[in-house]
């Protein structure tokens, strides 16, 4: 598989037919994010496997993929367990939206705490001045 990418304004191609640093990165992303391809497993198209020219995807799209085994870049048309149907673009968007919401809640809590501290300090100073 050859995937076109945009880099420094020129179209370059990543060779994904053999194991390399790009395939290692893709395996890691798909394993961690539990996703497959940019838009789903169909992103990878057809590959010529033992079962013929069939739709196939990297083994890291399978739930039973073991990243610790350092499995080489390989395609399959069947997984023992679940095949991740979600594309990595959607998975990234969902995860970053969740992180953004969590950060917003934490920031709101910190702001409320600081306002409470300012009000408490003002009330304390007011009581010192009256006495």
N, C-alpha and C. Protein backbone atom coordinates (compact mmCIF):
# COMPACT_ATOMS: atom_id res chain seq x y z
N UNK A 1 0.85 -1.18 0.00
CA UNK A 1 0.00 0.00 0.00
C UNK A 1 0.89 1.23 0.00
N UNK A 2 0.51 2.18 -0.79
CA UNK A 2 1.23 3.44 -0.82
C UNK A 2 0.22 4.52 -0.47
N UNK A 3 0.54 5.28 0.57
CA UNK A 3 -0.37 6.31 1.04
C UNK A 3 0.24 7.66 0.74
N UNK A 4 -0.53 8.55 0.12
CA UNK A 4 -0.05 9.91 -0.16
C UNK A 4 -0.15 10.74 1.10
N UNK A 5 0.85 11.54 1.35
CA UNK A 5 0.83 12.45 2.48
C UNK A 5 1.26 13.82 2.02
N UNK A 6 0.91 14.84 2.75
CA UNK A 6 1.36 16.19 2.46
C UNK A 6 2.49 16.52 3.42
N UNK A 7 3.63 16.91 2.90
CA UNK A 7 4.76 17.27 3.73
C UNK A 7 5.49 18.42 3.07
N UNK A 8 5.65 19.50 3.78
CA UNK A 8 6.32 20.70 3.29
C UNK A 8 5.81 21.12 1.91
N UNK A 9 4.51 21.02 1.73
CA UNK A 9 3.89 21.51 0.51
C UNK A 9 4.01 20.59 -0.69
N UNK A 10 4.70 19.48 -0.60
CA UNK A 10 4.83 18.57 -1.73
C UNK A 10 4.24 17.23 -1.34
N UNK A 11 3.69 16.56 -2.33
CA UNK A 11 3.11 15.24 -2.06
C UNK A 11 4.23 14.22 -1.99
N UNK A 12 4.30 13.50 -0.90
CA UNK A 12 5.27 12.43 -0.74
C UNK A 12 4.49 11.14 -0.56
N UNK A 13 5.17 10.03 -0.74
CA UNK A 13 4.50 8.74 -0.56
C UNK A 13 5.19 7.94 0.52
N UNK A 14 4.38 7.33 1.38
CA UNK A 14 4.90 6.43 2.41
C UNK A 14 4.69 5.01 1.92
N UNK A 15 5.74 4.24 1.86
CA UNK A 15 5.63 2.85 1.48
C UNK A 15 5.20 2.05 2.71
N UNK A 16 4.02 1.47 2.64
CA UNK A 16 3.50 0.70 3.77
C UNK A 16 3.47 -0.78 3.47
N UNK A 17 4.19 -1.19 2.44
CA UNK A 17 4.19 -2.61 2.08
C UNK A 17 5.17 -3.43 2.93
N UNK A 18 6.17 -2.76 3.51
CA UNK A 18 7.16 -3.47 4.34
C UNK A 18 7.27 -2.78 5.69
N UNK A 19 7.69 -3.49 6.72
CA UNK A 19 7.82 -2.89 8.04
C UNK A 19 8.86 -1.76 8.03
N UNK A 20 8.51 -0.63 8.62
CA UNK A 20 9.42 0.51 8.75
C UNK A 20 8.91 1.40 9.88
N UNK A 21 9.54 2.55 10.06
CA UNK A 21 9.15 3.43 11.17
C UNK A 21 7.70 3.91 11.03
N UNK A 22 7.23 4.11 9.81
CA UNK A 22 5.85 4.53 9.59
C UNK A 22 4.86 3.45 10.01
N UNK A 23 5.17 2.21 9.65
CA UNK A 23 4.25 1.12 9.99
C UNK A 23 4.24 0.88 11.50
N UNK A 24 5.37 1.07 12.15
CA UNK A 24 5.43 0.93 13.61
C UNK A 24 4.56 1.98 14.26
N UNK A 25 4.62 3.21 13.77
CA UNK A 25 3.80 4.30 14.31
C UNK A 25 2.32 4.02 14.09
N UNK A 26 1.97 3.56 12.90
CA UNK A 26 0.56 3.26 12.59
C UNK A 26 0.06 2.14 13.50
N UNK A 27 0.85 1.08 13.67
CA UNK A 27 0.45 -0.01 14.57
C UNK A 27 0.20 0.52 15.98
N UNK A 28 1.11 1.37 16.46
CA UNK A 28 0.97 1.91 17.82
C UNK A 28 -0.29 2.75 17.96
N UNK A 29 -0.54 3.62 17.00
CA UNK A 29 -1.73 4.48 17.06
C UNK A 29 -2.99 3.65 17.04
N UNK A 30 -3.07 2.69 16.12
CA UNK A 30 -4.27 1.86 16.01
C UNK A 30 -4.48 1.02 17.26
N UNK A 31 -3.40 0.55 17.86
CA UNK A 31 -3.50 -0.27 19.07
C UNK A 31 -3.97 0.58 20.25
N UNK A 32 -3.35 1.74 20.45
CA UNK A 32 -3.67 2.59 21.61
C UNK A 32 -5.06 3.21 21.47
N UNK A 33 -5.39 3.70 20.28
CA UNK A 33 -6.66 4.40 20.08
C UNK A 33 -7.82 3.45 19.78
N UNK A 34 -7.51 2.16 19.60
CA UNK A 34 -8.51 1.16 19.24
C UNK A 34 -9.29 1.60 18.01
N UNK A 35 -8.54 1.87 16.94
CA UNK A 35 -9.15 2.32 15.69
C UNK A 35 -8.47 1.60 14.53
N UNK A 36 -8.96 1.85 13.32
CA UNK A 36 -8.40 1.17 12.15
C UNK A 36 -8.44 2.11 10.95
N UNK A 37 -7.28 2.43 10.43
CA UNK A 37 -7.21 3.31 9.26
C UNK A 37 -7.69 4.71 9.58
N UNK A 38 -7.70 5.56 8.58
CA UNK A 38 -8.15 6.93 8.79
C UNK A 38 -9.65 6.99 8.98
N UNK A 39 -10.36 6.21 8.16
CA UNK A 39 -11.83 6.27 8.17
C UNK A 39 -12.48 4.96 8.56
N UNK A 40 -11.70 3.94 8.85
CA UNK A 40 -12.23 2.62 9.19
C UNK A 40 -11.42 1.57 8.46
N UNK A 41 -11.76 0.31 8.66
CA UNK A 41 -10.95 -0.77 8.08
C UNK A 41 -10.97 -0.77 6.56
N UNK A 42 -12.02 -0.24 5.95
CA UNK A 42 -12.09 -0.18 4.48
C UNK A 42 -11.04 0.75 3.89
N UNK A 43 -10.49 1.65 4.72
CA UNK A 43 -9.43 2.56 4.28
C UNK A 43 -8.26 1.81 3.65
N UNK A 44 -7.98 0.62 4.16
CA UNK A 44 -6.81 -0.13 3.71
C UNK A 44 -7.02 -0.82 2.37
N UNK A 45 -8.27 -0.94 1.91
CA UNK A 45 -8.54 -1.51 0.59
C UNK A 45 -8.27 -3.00 0.52
N UNK A 46 -8.05 -3.47 -0.72
CA UNK A 46 -7.83 -4.89 -0.96
C UNK A 46 -6.34 -5.22 -0.92
N UNK A 47 -6.03 -6.37 -0.41
CA UNK A 47 -4.66 -6.89 -0.37
C UNK A 47 -4.68 -8.32 -0.90
N UNK A 48 -3.59 -8.74 -1.49
CA UNK A 48 -3.48 -10.11 -1.95
C UNK A 48 -2.95 -10.96 -0.80
N UNK A 49 -3.82 -11.79 -0.26
CA UNK A 49 -3.46 -12.68 0.84
C UNK A 49 -3.60 -14.12 0.37
N UNK A 50 -3.38 -15.06 1.27
CA UNK A 50 -3.52 -16.48 0.94
C UNK A 50 -4.93 -16.79 0.45
N UNK A 51 -5.92 -16.03 0.98
CA UNK A 51 -7.31 -16.28 0.58
C UNK A 51 -7.69 -15.53 -0.69
N UNK A 52 -6.73 -14.89 -1.34
CA UNK A 52 -7.00 -14.18 -2.59
C UNK A 52 -6.90 -12.68 -2.41
N UNK A 53 -7.41 -11.95 -3.39
CA UNK A 53 -7.43 -10.49 -3.35
C UNK A 53 -8.69 -10.06 -2.61
N UNK A 54 -8.53 -9.75 -1.34
CA UNK A 54 -9.68 -9.49 -0.47
C UNK A 54 -9.48 -8.20 0.31
N UNK A 55 -10.58 -7.61 0.84
CA UNK A 55 -10.41 -6.48 1.75
C UNK A 55 -9.59 -6.94 2.97
N UNK A 56 -8.56 -6.19 3.32
CA UNK A 56 -7.70 -6.57 4.44
C UNK A 56 -7.26 -5.33 5.19
N UNK A 57 -6.78 -5.53 6.40
CA UNK A 57 -6.35 -4.44 7.25
C UNK A 57 -5.17 -4.92 8.08
N UNK A 58 -4.40 -3.98 8.67
CA UNK A 58 -3.26 -4.39 9.50
C UNK A 58 -3.74 -5.16 10.73
N UNK A 59 -2.90 -6.06 11.21
CA UNK A 59 -3.28 -6.85 12.38
C UNK A 59 -3.50 -5.97 13.62
N UNK A 60 -2.96 -4.76 13.63
CA UNK A 60 -3.18 -3.87 14.77
C UNK A 60 -4.61 -3.34 14.82
N UNK A 61 -5.42 -3.64 13.80
CA UNK A 61 -6.84 -3.29 13.81
C UNK A 61 -7.66 -4.33 14.57
N UNK A 62 -7.01 -5.39 15.01
CA UNK A 62 -7.69 -6.47 15.72
C UNK A 62 -7.54 -6.29 17.23
N UNK A 63 -8.60 -6.58 17.96
CA UNK A 63 -8.57 -6.40 19.42
C UNK A 63 -7.57 -7.33 20.09
N UNK A 64 -7.25 -8.47 19.49
CA UNK A 64 -6.31 -9.39 20.12
C UNK A 64 -4.86 -9.08 19.77
N UNK A 65 -4.61 -8.01 19.02
CA UNK A 65 -3.24 -7.61 18.66
C UNK A 65 -2.42 -7.39 19.92
N UNK A 66 -1.21 -7.93 19.95
CA UNK A 66 -0.33 -7.80 21.11
C UNK A 66 0.85 -6.92 20.74
N UNK A 67 0.85 -5.68 21.20
CA UNK A 67 1.92 -4.75 20.84
C UNK A 67 3.25 -5.18 21.43
N UNK A 68 3.23 -5.92 22.51
CA UNK A 68 4.47 -6.34 23.16
C UNK A 68 5.20 -7.41 22.35
N UNK A 69 4.49 -8.08 21.45
CA UNK A 69 5.11 -9.15 20.68
C UNK A 69 5.97 -8.60 19.54
N UNK A 70 5.90 -7.26 19.35
CA UNK A 70 6.63 -6.63 18.25
C UNK A 70 6.32 -7.30 16.92
N UNK A 71 5.05 -7.64 16.77
CA UNK A 71 4.61 -8.30 15.55
C UNK A 71 4.93 -7.42 14.35
N UNK A 72 5.45 -8.03 13.32
CA UNK A 72 5.78 -7.27 12.14
C UNK A 72 4.52 -6.77 11.45
N UNK A 73 4.72 -5.83 10.58
CA UNK A 73 3.62 -5.26 9.79
C UNK A 73 3.02 -6.35 8.94
N UNK A 74 1.77 -6.67 9.18
CA UNK A 74 1.11 -7.72 8.42
C UNK A 74 -0.36 -7.36 8.26
N UNK A 75 -0.95 -7.84 7.18
CA UNK A 75 -2.36 -7.62 6.92
C UNK A 75 -3.12 -8.91 7.12
N UNK A 76 -4.40 -8.77 7.46
CA UNK A 76 -5.26 -9.93 7.66
C UNK A 76 -6.65 -9.59 7.14
N UNK A 77 -7.41 -10.62 6.84
CA UNK A 77 -8.80 -10.40 6.43
C UNK A 77 -9.76 -10.98 7.47
N UNK A 78 -9.22 -11.45 8.58
CA UNK A 78 -10.04 -12.00 9.66
C UNK A 78 -9.29 -11.85 10.98
N UNK A 79 -10.01 -11.51 12.02
CA UNK A 79 -9.43 -11.39 13.35
C UNK A 79 -10.07 -12.44 14.25
N UNK A 80 -9.32 -12.91 15.23
CA UNK A 80 -9.87 -13.86 16.20
C UNK A 80 -10.94 -13.16 17.03
N UNK A 81 -10.66 -11.92 17.42
CA UNK A 81 -11.61 -11.14 18.22
C UNK A 81 -12.30 -10.09 17.37
N UNK A 82 -12.46 -8.94 17.94
CA UNK A 82 -13.17 -7.83 17.31
C UNK A 82 -12.23 -7.08 16.35
N UNK A 83 -12.80 -6.56 15.25
CA UNK A 83 -12.08 -5.68 14.35
C UNK A 83 -12.54 -4.26 14.67
N UNK A 84 -11.60 -3.36 14.89
CA UNK A 84 -11.97 -1.98 15.17
C UNK A 84 -12.58 -1.35 13.93
N UNK A 85 -13.82 -0.91 14.02
CA UNK A 85 -14.53 -0.32 12.89
C UNK A 85 -14.32 1.19 12.83
N UNK A 86 -14.04 1.81 13.96
CA UNK A 86 -13.89 3.26 14.03
C UNK A 86 -12.60 3.69 13.36
N UNK A 87 -12.69 4.73 12.55
CA UNK A 87 -11.50 5.28 11.94
C UNK A 87 -10.71 6.09 12.97
N UNK A 88 -9.40 6.20 12.76
CA UNK A 88 -8.56 6.91 13.72
C UNK A 88 -8.85 8.40 13.78
N UNK A 89 -9.33 8.99 12.69
CA UNK A 89 -9.71 10.41 12.72
C UNK A 89 -10.83 10.64 13.73
N UNK A 90 -11.84 9.78 13.67
CA UNK A 90 -12.95 9.89 14.62
C UNK A 90 -12.50 9.60 16.05
N UNK A 91 -11.62 8.62 16.20
CA UNK A 91 -11.12 8.27 17.54
C UNK A 91 -10.33 9.43 18.15
N UNK A 92 -9.48 10.07 17.35
CA UNK A 92 -8.73 11.23 17.85
C UNK A 92 -9.68 12.35 18.25
N UNK A 93 -10.66 12.63 17.40
CA UNK A 93 -11.61 13.71 17.68
C UNK A 93 -12.37 13.44 18.98
N UNK A 94 -12.84 12.23 19.15
CA UNK A 94 -13.58 11.87 20.37
C UNK A 94 -12.70 12.01 21.60
N UNK A 95 -11.48 11.48 21.54
CA UNK A 95 -10.58 11.54 22.70
C UNK A 95 -10.19 12.96 23.04
N UNK A 96 -9.90 13.78 22.04
CA UNK A 96 -9.51 15.16 22.33
C UNK A 96 -10.69 15.99 22.82
N UNK A 97 -11.90 15.70 22.34
CA UNK A 97 -13.08 16.38 22.87
C UNK A 97 -13.28 16.04 24.34
N UNK A 98 -13.09 14.77 24.69
CA UNK A 98 -13.23 14.35 26.09
C UNK A 98 -12.19 15.04 26.96
N UNK A 99 -10.97 15.13 26.47
CA UNK A 99 -9.90 15.80 27.22
C UNK A 99 -10.22 17.28 27.39
N UNK A 100 -10.74 17.90 26.35
CA UNK A 100 -11.10 19.32 26.41
C UNK A 100 -12.19 19.59 27.44
N UNK A 101 -13.17 18.74 27.48
CA UNK A 101 -14.26 18.89 28.47
C UNK A 101 -13.70 18.74 29.89
N UNK A 102 -12.86 17.75 30.10
CA UNK A 102 -12.26 17.53 31.42
C UNK A 102 -11.41 18.73 31.84
N UNK A 103 -10.61 19.27 30.92
CA UNK A 103 -9.80 20.45 31.24
C UNK A 103 -10.68 21.65 31.57
N UNK A 104 -11.77 21.82 30.84
CA UNK A 104 -12.70 22.91 31.11
C UNK A 104 -13.30 22.80 32.50
N UNK A 105 -13.67 21.61 32.91
CA UNK A 105 -14.25 21.40 34.24
C UNK A 105 -13.22 21.69 35.32
N UNK A 106 -11.99 21.21 35.12
CA UNK A 106 -10.92 21.48 36.10
C UNK A 106 -10.65 22.97 36.21
N UNK A 107 -10.58 23.66 35.09
CA UNK A 107 -10.32 25.11 35.12
C UNK A 107 -11.46 25.86 35.81
N UNK A 108 -12.70 25.46 35.56
CA UNK A 108 -13.84 26.11 36.22
C UNK A 108 -13.77 25.88 37.73
N UNK A 109 -13.39 24.68 38.16
CA UNK A 109 -13.27 24.40 39.59
C UNK A 109 -12.17 25.25 40.23
N UNK A 110 -11.05 25.41 39.54
CA UNK A 110 -9.95 26.23 40.07
C UNK A 110 -10.38 27.69 40.18
N UNK A 111 -11.08 28.19 39.18
CA UNK A 111 -11.56 29.58 39.21
C UNK A 111 -12.53 29.79 40.37
N UNK A 112 -13.45 28.85 40.56
CA UNK A 112 -14.40 28.96 41.68
C UNK A 112 -13.67 28.95 43.01
N UNK A 113 -12.67 28.07 43.15
CA UNK A 113 -11.89 28.00 44.38
C UNK A 113 -11.16 29.33 44.63
N UNK A 114 -10.57 29.91 43.60
CA UNK A 114 -9.85 31.17 43.76
C UNK A 114 -10.81 32.31 44.14
N UNK A 115 -11.99 32.34 43.55
CA UNK A 115 -12.98 33.37 43.92
C UNK A 115 -13.38 33.20 45.38
N UNK A 116 -13.60 31.95 45.80
CA UNK A 116 -13.92 31.69 47.20
C UNK A 116 -12.81 32.19 48.12
N UNK A 117 -11.54 31.93 47.73
CA UNK A 117 -10.40 32.36 48.56
C UNK A 117 -10.33 33.89 48.64
N UNK A 118 -10.59 34.59 47.56
CA UNK A 118 -10.58 36.06 47.57
C UNK A 118 -11.68 36.58 48.49
N UNK A 119 -12.86 36.01 48.38
CA UNK A 119 -13.98 36.45 49.23
C UNK A 119 -13.67 36.16 50.69
N UNK A 120 -13.12 34.98 50.99
CA UNK A 120 -12.76 34.64 52.37
C UNK A 120 -11.69 35.59 52.91
N UNK A 121 -10.71 35.93 52.08
CA UNK A 121 -9.65 36.85 52.52
C UNK A 121 -10.23 38.25 52.78
N UNK A 122 -11.14 38.70 51.94
CA UNK A 122 -11.76 40.02 52.14
C UNK A 122 -12.59 40.04 53.43
N UNK A 123 -13.35 38.98 53.67
CA UNK A 123 -14.16 38.91 54.89
C UNK A 123 -13.25 38.86 56.12
N UNK A 124 -12.17 38.13 56.04
CA UNK A 124 -11.22 38.04 57.15
C UNK A 124 -10.59 39.40 57.42
N UNK A 125 -10.20 40.09 56.39
CA UNK A 125 -9.59 41.43 56.56
C UNK A 125 -10.61 42.42 57.11
N UNK A 126 -11.86 42.32 56.67
CA UNK A 126 -12.91 43.20 57.16
C UNK A 126 -13.11 42.99 58.65
N UNK A 127 -13.11 41.72 59.12
CA UNK A 127 -13.27 41.41 60.54
C UNK A 127 -12.10 41.94 61.35
N UNK A 128 -10.88 41.91 60.81
CA UNK A 128 -9.70 42.45 61.50
C UNK A 128 -9.81 43.96 61.65
N UNK A 129 -10.36 44.63 60.67
CA UNK A 129 -10.46 46.09 60.70
C UNK A 129 -11.52 46.57 61.70
N UNK A 130 -12.60 45.78 61.88
CA UNK A 130 -13.69 46.16 62.79
C UNK A 130 -13.23 46.01 64.24
N UNK A 131 -12.45 45.04 64.55
CA UNK A 131 -12.03 44.77 65.91
C UNK A 131 -11.03 45.75 66.36
